[in-house]
């Protein structure tokens, strides 16, 4: 191991290094392949973008403001769709 690598890993354990080696070898958690990214991109495209009103409702929901029932179920559904789309977008930004 080089001095430069040792300095950059100061405080890291051998299991940390092994975890990174495993990722490089394609073991365990890894980035999606090109075909999977295309599928995820298609899903994101199909989900579309929120309207101004939907974006505003999502924003106030994230601030903790809740609607009364039964509209709260739909409010939570909208927030969950927003979170799902954000997660998918993060997945292809790997």
Protein backbone atom coordinates (compact mmCIF):
# COMPACT_ATOMS: atom_id res chain seq x y z
CA UNK A 1 0.00 0.00 0.00
CA UNK A 2 1.41 3.40 -0.93
CA UNK A 3 1.95 6.22 1.55
CA UNK A 4 -0.54 8.37 -0.34
CA UNK A 5 -3.23 5.68 0.00
CA UNK A 6 -2.43 5.22 3.69
CA UNK A 7 -2.80 8.97 4.29
CA UNK A 8 -6.10 9.15 2.40
CA UNK A 9 -7.42 6.21 4.43
CA UNK A 10 -6.32 7.48 7.82
CA UNK A 11 -8.85 6.17 10.30
CA UNK A 12 -10.18 3.54 7.88
CA UNK A 13 -10.09 -0.12 8.81
CA UNK A 14 -9.15 -3.10 6.69
CA UNK A 15 -12.82 -4.05 6.42
CA UNK A 16 -13.48 -0.60 4.90
CA UNK A 17 -10.84 -1.30 2.27
CA UNK A 18 -12.23 -4.76 1.64
CA UNK A 19 -15.71 -3.29 1.17
CA UNK A 20 -14.41 -0.95 -1.55
CA UNK A 21 -12.48 -3.77 -3.23
CA UNK A 22 -15.64 -5.90 -3.30
CA UNK A 23 -17.57 -3.07 -4.95
CA UNK A 24 -14.87 -2.70 -7.62
CA UNK A 25 -15.05 -6.47 -8.23
CA UNK A 26 -18.81 -6.27 -8.80
CA UNK A 27 -19.66 -8.09 -5.56
CA UNK A 28 -22.56 -6.99 -3.38
CA UNK A 29 -23.95 -3.49 -3.92
CA UNK A 30 -23.18 -2.07 -7.35
CA UNK A 31 -24.37 0.54 -9.81
CA UNK A 32 -27.12 -0.44 -12.24
CA UNK A 33 -26.04 -1.44 -15.75
CA UNK A 34 -26.92 0.54 -18.88
CA UNK A 35 -30.10 -1.44 -19.61
CA UNK A 36 -31.37 -0.94 -16.06
CA UNK A 37 -30.65 2.79 -16.30
CA UNK A 38 -32.71 2.94 -19.51
CA UNK A 39 -35.64 1.24 -17.76
CA UNK A 40 -35.36 3.57 -14.77
CA UNK A 41 -35.17 6.57 -17.13
CA UNK A 42 -38.34 5.39 -18.86
CA UNK A 43 -40.12 5.12 -15.52
CA UNK A 44 -39.03 8.64 -14.57
CA UNK A 45 -40.25 9.97 -17.91
CA UNK A 46 -43.60 8.20 -17.49
CA UNK A 47 -44.03 9.72 -14.02
CA UNK A 48 -43.90 13.18 -15.65
CA UNK A 49 -43.44 16.41 -13.67
CA UNK A 50 -45.73 17.84 -11.01
CA UNK A 51 -48.05 20.73 -11.80
CA UNK A 52 -47.44 23.97 -9.93
CA UNK A 53 -50.24 23.06 -7.53
CA UNK A 54 -48.85 19.56 -6.93
CA UNK A 55 -45.38 21.01 -6.31
CA UNK A 56 -46.84 23.50 -3.82
CA UNK A 57 -48.75 20.75 -1.99
CA UNK A 58 -45.61 18.59 -1.87
CA UNK A 59 -43.63 21.52 -0.47
CA UNK A 60 -46.12 22.22 2.34
CA UNK A 61 -46.38 18.49 3.06
CA UNK A 62 -42.61 18.36 3.51
CA UNK A 63 -42.99 21.25 5.95
CA UNK A 64 -45.28 19.01 8.03
CA UNK A 65 -48.66 20.51 7.15
CA UNK A 66 -51.37 17.84 6.84
CA UNK A 67 -54.74 17.93 5.16
CA UNK A 68 -57.85 16.48 6.78
CA UNK A 69 -58.98 12.95 6.02
CA UNK A 70 -59.81 11.56 3.47
CA UNK A 71 -57.67 14.00 1.40
CA UNK A 72 -54.65 13.23 3.59
CA UNK A 73 -54.36 9.79 1.97
CA UNK A 74 -54.01 11.39 -1.46
CA UNK A 75 -51.63 14.01 -0.04
CA UNK A 76 -49.41 11.22 1.31
CA UNK A 77 -49.67 9.38 -2.01
CA UNK A 78 -48.49 12.50 -3.86
CA UNK A 79 -45.56 12.87 -1.47
CA UNK A 80 -44.65 9.19 -1.90
CA UNK A 81 -44.69 9.57 -5.69
CA UNK A 82 -42.43 12.60 -5.36
CA UNK A 83 -40.01 10.67 -3.13
CA UNK A 84 -40.04 7.66 -5.47
CA UNK A 85 -39.23 9.83 -8.48
CA UNK A 86 -36.40 11.55 -6.58
CA UNK A 87 -34.99 8.14 -5.58
CA UNK A 88 -35.10 6.91 -9.16
CA UNK A 89 -33.34 10.07 -10.35
CA UNK A 90 -30.65 9.53 -7.72
CA UNK A 91 -30.24 5.91 -8.83
CA UNK A 92 -29.26 6.91 -12.35
CA UNK A 93 -26.91 9.63 -11.13
CA UNK A 94 -24.54 6.99 -9.65
